[in-house]
Amino acid sequence: MSSIAPTSHVTLHYRMAVLVDDTERELVNTFSAAPATLQMGVGQWAPTVEEHLVGLAEGQSAQFELAADQAYGEHNPDLVRTISWVQLEAQCEPGLVFEVGETVEFRGVGGETYRGALVQCDEDTAVVDFNHPLAGMPMRIRVQVIGVL
């Protein structure tokens, strides 16, 4: 029976949920669908998740929790910015209609793109949060390993 190594290809079922005010909010669950296949060590999952998978054998199940700083990081207030509508419209695709709660893609000076959530707006300015949408949230993960190559 094979065990997961740092460079293995793994087929597994998994369930990921974030914990919001001690309540689980499910993000993905493959247990009632097709299993997922991933390669360890290439960034498909966070290194902290992979650390929990290494050593698990085919047929084995596990459940673990990650603190926010181990999952998608703590929420960084420095990544919440107030920008003018002029700047917002100049850095986004022309003709977009902006609504609070939507993810907005910005073009940087060098052509790179950035994504942020529009959290508030008025006639002159918009507040955009450039944190990962799951930043600041601990996670609970359950896996069942099906196959390891």
C-alpha atoms as a PDB file:
ATOM      1  CA  MET A   1       0.000   0.000   0.000  1.00  0.00           C
ATOM      2  CA  SER A   2       1.478   3.358  -1.056  1.00  0.00           C
ATOM      3  CA  SER A   3       1.727   6.437   1.146  1.00  0.00           C
ATOM      4  CA  ILE A   4       1.719  10.056   0.023  1.00  0.00           C
ATOM      5  CA  ALA A   5       5.200  11.490  -0.521  1.00  0.00           C
ATOM      6  CA  PRO A   6       6.085  15.169  -1.186  1.00  0.00           C
ATOM      7  CA  THR A   7       5.995  14.601  -4.989  1.00  0.00           C
ATOM      8  CA  SER A   8       3.205  11.993  -5.282  1.00  0.00           C
ATOM      9  CA  HIS A   9       0.208  12.089  -7.573  1.00  0.00           C
ATOM     10  CA  VAL A  10      -2.816  11.605  -5.332  1.00  0.00           C
ATOM     11  CA  THR A  11      -6.449  10.763  -6.023  1.00  0.00           C
ATOM     12  CA  LEU A  12      -8.721  11.608  -3.125  1.00  0.00           C
ATOM     13  CA  HIS A  13     -12.044  12.858  -1.943  1.00  0.00           C
ATOM     14  CA  TYR A  14     -11.926  16.037   0.091  1.00  0.00           C
ATOM     15  CA  ARG A  15     -14.124  18.530   1.835  1.00  0.00           C
ATOM     16  CA  MET A  16     -12.971  22.061   2.671  1.00  0.00           C
ATOM     17  CA  ALA A  17     -14.892  24.451   4.878  1.00  0.00           C
ATOM     18  CA  VAL A  18     -14.043  27.790   6.449  1.00  0.00           C
ATOM     19  CA  LEU A  19     -15.069  28.563   9.990  1.00  0.00           C
ATOM     20  CA  VAL A  20     -16.998  31.816  10.330  1.00  0.00           C
ATOM     21  CA  ASP A  21     -18.038  32.660  13.897  1.00  0.00           C
ATOM     22  CA  ASP A  22     -17.546  28.970  14.824  1.00  0.00           C
ATOM     23  CA  THR A  23     -19.908  27.895  12.025  1.00  0.00           C
ATOM     24  CA  GLU A  24     -18.699  25.861   9.050  1.00  0.00           C
ATOM     25  CA  ARG A  25     -19.249  27.261   5.562  1.00  0.00           C
ATOM     26  CA  GLU A  26     -18.535  24.536   3.019  1.00  0.00           C
ATOM     27  CA  LEU A  27     -16.411  25.572   0.047  1.00  0.00           C
ATOM     28  CA  VAL A  28     -16.012  22.284  -1.818  1.00  0.00           C
ATOM     29  CA  ASN A  29     -17.018  18.680  -1.268  1.00  0.00           C
ATOM     30  CA  THR A  30     -16.084  15.879  -3.680  1.00  0.00           C
ATOM     31  CA  PHE A  31     -17.421  13.036  -1.518  1.00  0.00           C
ATOM     32  CA  SER A  32     -20.662  12.860  -3.522  1.00  0.00           C
ATOM     33  CA  ALA A  33     -18.956  13.520  -6.870  1.00  0.00           C
ATOM     34  CA  ALA A  34     -15.841  12.472  -8.765  1.00  0.00           C
ATOM     35  CA  PRO A  35     -12.643  12.443  -6.708  1.00  0.00           C
ATOM     36  CA  ALA A  36      -9.874  14.967  -7.317  1.00  0.00           C
ATOM     37  CA  THR A  37      -6.373  14.172  -8.550  1.00  0.00           C
ATOM     38  CA  LEU A  38      -3.463  16.415  -7.703  1.00  0.00           C
ATOM     39  CA  GLN A  39       0.294  16.413  -7.721  1.00  0.00           C
ATOM     40  CA  MET A  40       2.010  17.216  -4.483  1.00  0.00           C
ATOM     41  CA  GLY A  41       4.709  19.870  -4.395  1.00  0.00           C
ATOM     42  CA  VAL A  42       3.631  21.965  -7.379  1.00  0.00           C
ATOM     43  CA  GLY A  43       1.387  24.490  -5.632  1.00  0.00           C
ATOM     44  CA  GLN A  44      -2.015  22.968  -6.317  1.00  0.00           C
ATOM     45  CA  TRP A  45      -2.667  23.141  -2.576  1.00  0.00           C
ATOM     46  CA  ALA A  46      -1.095  25.270   0.102  1.00  0.00           C
ATOM     47  CA  PRO A  47       2.092  23.798   1.608  1.00  0.00           C
ATOM     48  CA  THR A  48       0.380  23.627   5.006  1.00  0.00           C
ATOM     49  CA  VAL A  49      -2.349  21.387   3.551  1.00  0.00           C
ATOM     50  CA  GLU A  50       0.217  19.180   1.818  1.00  0.00           C
ATOM     51  CA  GLU A  51       2.121  18.782   5.111  1.00  0.00           C
ATOM     52  CA  HIS A  52      -0.988  17.135   6.586  1.00  0.00           C
ATOM     53  CA  LEU A  53      -1.329  14.795   3.588  1.00  0.00           C
ATOM     54  CA  VAL A  54       2.255  13.496   3.472  1.00  0.00           C
ATOM     55  CA  GLY A  55       2.409  10.027   5.000  1.00  0.00           C
ATOM     56  CA  LEU A  56      -1.282   9.184   4.576  1.00  0.00           C
ATOM     57  CA  ALA A  57      -1.799   5.779   2.944  1.00  0.00           C
ATOM     58  CA  GLU A  58      -4.278   4.612   0.311  1.00  0.00           C
ATOM     59  CA  GLY A  59      -7.652   4.078   1.967  1.00  0.00           C
ATOM     60  CA  GLN A  60      -6.807   6.284   4.933  1.00  0.00           C
ATOM     61  CA  SER A  61      -8.983   9.231   6.022  1.00  0.00           C
ATOM     62  CA  ALA A  62      -7.979  12.303   7.990  1.00  0.00           C
ATOM     63  CA  GLN A  63      -9.479  15.541   9.249  1.00  0.00           C
ATOM     64  CA  PHE A  64      -7.539  18.612  10.327  1.00  0.00           C
ATOM     65  CA  GLU A  65      -7.948  22.313  10.959  1.00  0.00           C
ATOM     66  CA  LEU A  66      -5.745  25.167   9.841  1.00  0.00           C
ATOM     67  CA  ALA A  67      -5.575  28.488  11.629  1.00  0.00           C
ATOM     68  CA  ALA A  68      -6.202  31.505   9.380  1.00  0.00           C
ATOM     69  CA  ASP A  69      -2.481  32.282   9.118  1.00  0.00           C
ATOM     70  CA  GLN A  70      -1.829  28.705   7.902  1.00  0.00           C
ATOM     71  CA  ALA A  71      -4.707  28.713   5.400  1.00  0.00           C
ATOM     72  CA  TYR A  72      -5.082  31.927   3.359  1.00  0.00           C
ATOM     73  CA  GLY A  73      -3.386  34.274   5.805  1.00  0.00           C
ATOM     74  CA  GLU A  74      -4.668  36.838   8.233  1.00  0.00           C
ATOM     75  CA  HIS A  75      -6.759  39.699   6.887  1.00  0.00           C
ATOM     76  CA  ASN A  76      -4.364  42.594   6.255  1.00  0.00           C
ATOM     77  CA  PRO A  77      -6.013  46.017   6.674  1.00  0.00           C
ATOM     78  CA  ASP A  78      -3.210  47.575   4.578  1.00  0.00           C
ATOM     79  CA  LEU A  79      -4.643  45.735   1.548  1.00  0.00           C
ATOM     80  CA  VAL A  80      -7.973  47.590   1.837  1.00  0.00           C
ATOM     81  CA  ARG A  81      -7.689  50.715  -0.289  1.00  0.00           C
ATOM     82  CA  THR A  82      -9.881  53.703  -1.048  1.00  0.00           C
ATOM     83  CA  ILE A  83      -9.525  54.823  -4.648  1.00  0.00           C
ATOM     84  CA  SER A  84     -11.273  57.382  -6.823  1.00  0.00           C
ATOM     85  CA  TRP A  85     -13.834  56.340  -9.425  1.00  0.00           C
ATOM     86  CA  VAL A  86     -11.564  57.913 -12.050  1.00  0.00           C
ATOM     87  CA  GLN A  87      -8.703  55.613 -11.004  1.00  0.00           C
ATOM     88  CA  LEU A  88     -11.025  52.590 -10.769  1.00  0.00           C
ATOM     89  CA  GLU A  89     -12.397  53.116 -14.270  1.00  0.00           C
ATOM     90  CA  ALA A  90      -8.927  53.821 -15.711  1.00  0.00           C
ATOM     91  CA  GLN A  91      -7.467  50.555 -14.390  1.00  0.00           C
ATOM     92  CA  CYS A  92     -10.377  48.259 -15.259  1.00  0.00           C
ATOM     93  CA  GLU A  93     -11.971  46.964 -18.443  1.00  0.00           C
ATOM     94  CA  PRO A  94     -13.900  49.782 -20.155  1.00  0.00           C
ATOM     95  CA  GLY A  95     -17.670  49.683 -19.753  1.00  0.00           C
ATOM     96  CA  LEU A  96     -17.802  47.573 -16.589  1.00  0.00           C
ATOM     97  CA  VAL A  97     -20.652  48.189 -14.176  1.00  0.00           C
ATOM     98  CA  PHE A  98     -19.390  48.000 -10.599  1.00  0.00           C
ATOM     99  CA  GLU A  99     -21.452  46.590  -7.732  1.00  0.00           C
ATOM    100  CA  VAL A 100     -20.546  46.125  -4.078  1.00  0.00           C
ATOM    101  CA  GLY A 101     -19.542  42.527  -3.390  1.00  0.00           C
ATOM    102  CA  GLU A 102     -18.143  41.855  -6.844  1.00  0.00           C
ATOM    103  CA  THR A 103     -14.547  40.981  -7.596  1.00  0.00           C
ATOM    104  CA  VAL A 104     -12.912  43.590  -9.800  1.00  0.00           C
ATOM    105  CA  GLU A 105      -9.816  42.951 -11.927  1.00  0.00           C
ATOM    106  CA  PHE A 106      -7.310  45.804 -12.221  1.00  0.00           C
ATOM    107  CA  ARG A 107      -4.532  46.251 -14.770  1.00  0.00           C
ATOM    108  CA  GLY A 108      -1.189  47.285 -13.322  1.00  0.00           C
ATOM    109  CA  VAL A 109       1.341  49.591 -14.983  1.00  0.00           C
ATOM    110  CA  GLY A 110       3.367  46.619 -16.285  1.00  0.00           C
ATOM    111  CA  GLY A 111       0.305  44.761 -17.599  1.00  0.00           C
ATOM    112  CA  GLU A 112      -0.055  42.483 -14.557  1.00  0.00           C
ATOM    113  CA  THR A 113      -3.522  41.995 -13.103  1.00  0.00           C
ATOM    114  CA  TYR A 114      -4.792  42.336  -9.547  1.00  0.00           C
ATOM    115  CA  ARG A 115      -8.122  41.314  -8.107  1.00  0.00           C
ATOM    116  CA  GLY A 116      -9.994  42.933  -5.286  1.00  0.00           C
ATOM    117  CA  ALA A 117     -13.485  42.884  -3.843  1.00  0.00           C
ATOM    118  CA  LEU A 118     -15.496  46.077  -4.064  1.00  0.00           C
ATOM    119  CA  VAL A 119     -16.694  46.531  -0.485  1.00  0.00           C
ATOM    120  CA  GLN A 120     -18.106  50.061  -0.472  1.00  0.00           C
ATOM    121  CA  CYS A 121     -18.634  52.970  -2.837  1.00  0.00           C
ATOM    122  CA  ASP A 122     -20.084  56.442  -3.033  1.00  0.00           C
ATOM    123  CA  GLU A 123     -20.212  59.110  -5.754  1.00  0.00           C
ATOM    124  CA  ASP A 124     -16.471  59.848  -5.652  1.00  0.00           C
ATOM    125  CA  THR A 125     -14.626  56.834  -4.261  1.00  0.00           C
ATOM    126  CA  ALA A 126     -14.619  53.064  -3.997  1.00  0.00           C
ATOM    127  CA  VAL A 127     -13.176  50.872  -1.237  1.00  0.00           C
ATOM    128  CA  VAL A 128     -11.464  47.758  -2.577  1.00  0.00           C
ATOM    129  CA  ASP A 129     -10.192  44.836  -0.490  1.00  0.00           C
ATOM    130  CA  PHE A 130      -7.189  43.140  -2.124  1.00  0.00           C
ATOM    131  CA  ASN A 131      -6.965  40.380   0.508  1.00  0.00           C
ATOM    132  CA  HIS A 132      -7.759  36.818  -0.550  1.00  0.00           C
ATOM    133  CA  PRO A 133     -11.531  36.349  -0.040  1.00  0.00           C
ATOM    134  CA  LEU A 134     -10.815  33.649   2.582  1.00  0.00           C
ATOM    135  CA  ALA A 135      -8.146  35.621   4.456  1.00  0.00           C
ATOM    136  CA  GLY A 136      -8.682  35.666   8.196  1.00  0.00           C
ATOM    137  CA  MET A 137     -10.737  32.469   8.209  1.00  0.00           C
ATOM    138  CA  PRO A 138      -9.612  29.176   9.735  1.00  0.00           C
ATOM    139  CA  MET A 139     -10.309  26.052   7.662  1.00  0.00           C
ATOM    140  CA  ARG A 140     -11.450  22.518   8.366  1.00  0.00           C
ATOM    141  CA  ILE A 141     -10.402  19.872   5.831  1.00  0.00           C
ATOM    142  CA  ARG A 142     -11.418  16.216   5.570  1.00  0.00           C
ATOM    143  CA  VAL A 143      -9.785  13.813   3.097  1.00  0.00           C
ATOM    144  CA  GLN A 144     -10.050  10.180   2.060  1.00  0.00           C
ATOM    145  CA  VAL A 145      -7.087   8.938   0.049  1.00  0.00           C
ATOM    146  CA  ILE A 146      -8.103   6.689  -2.866  1.00  0.00           C
ATOM    147  CA  GLY A 147      -4.834   6.206  -4.746  1.00  0.00           C
ATOM    148  CA  VAL A 148      -1.191   7.252  -4.634  1.00  0.00           C
ATOM    149  CA  LEU A 149       1.373   7.122  -7.472  1.00  0.00           C
END
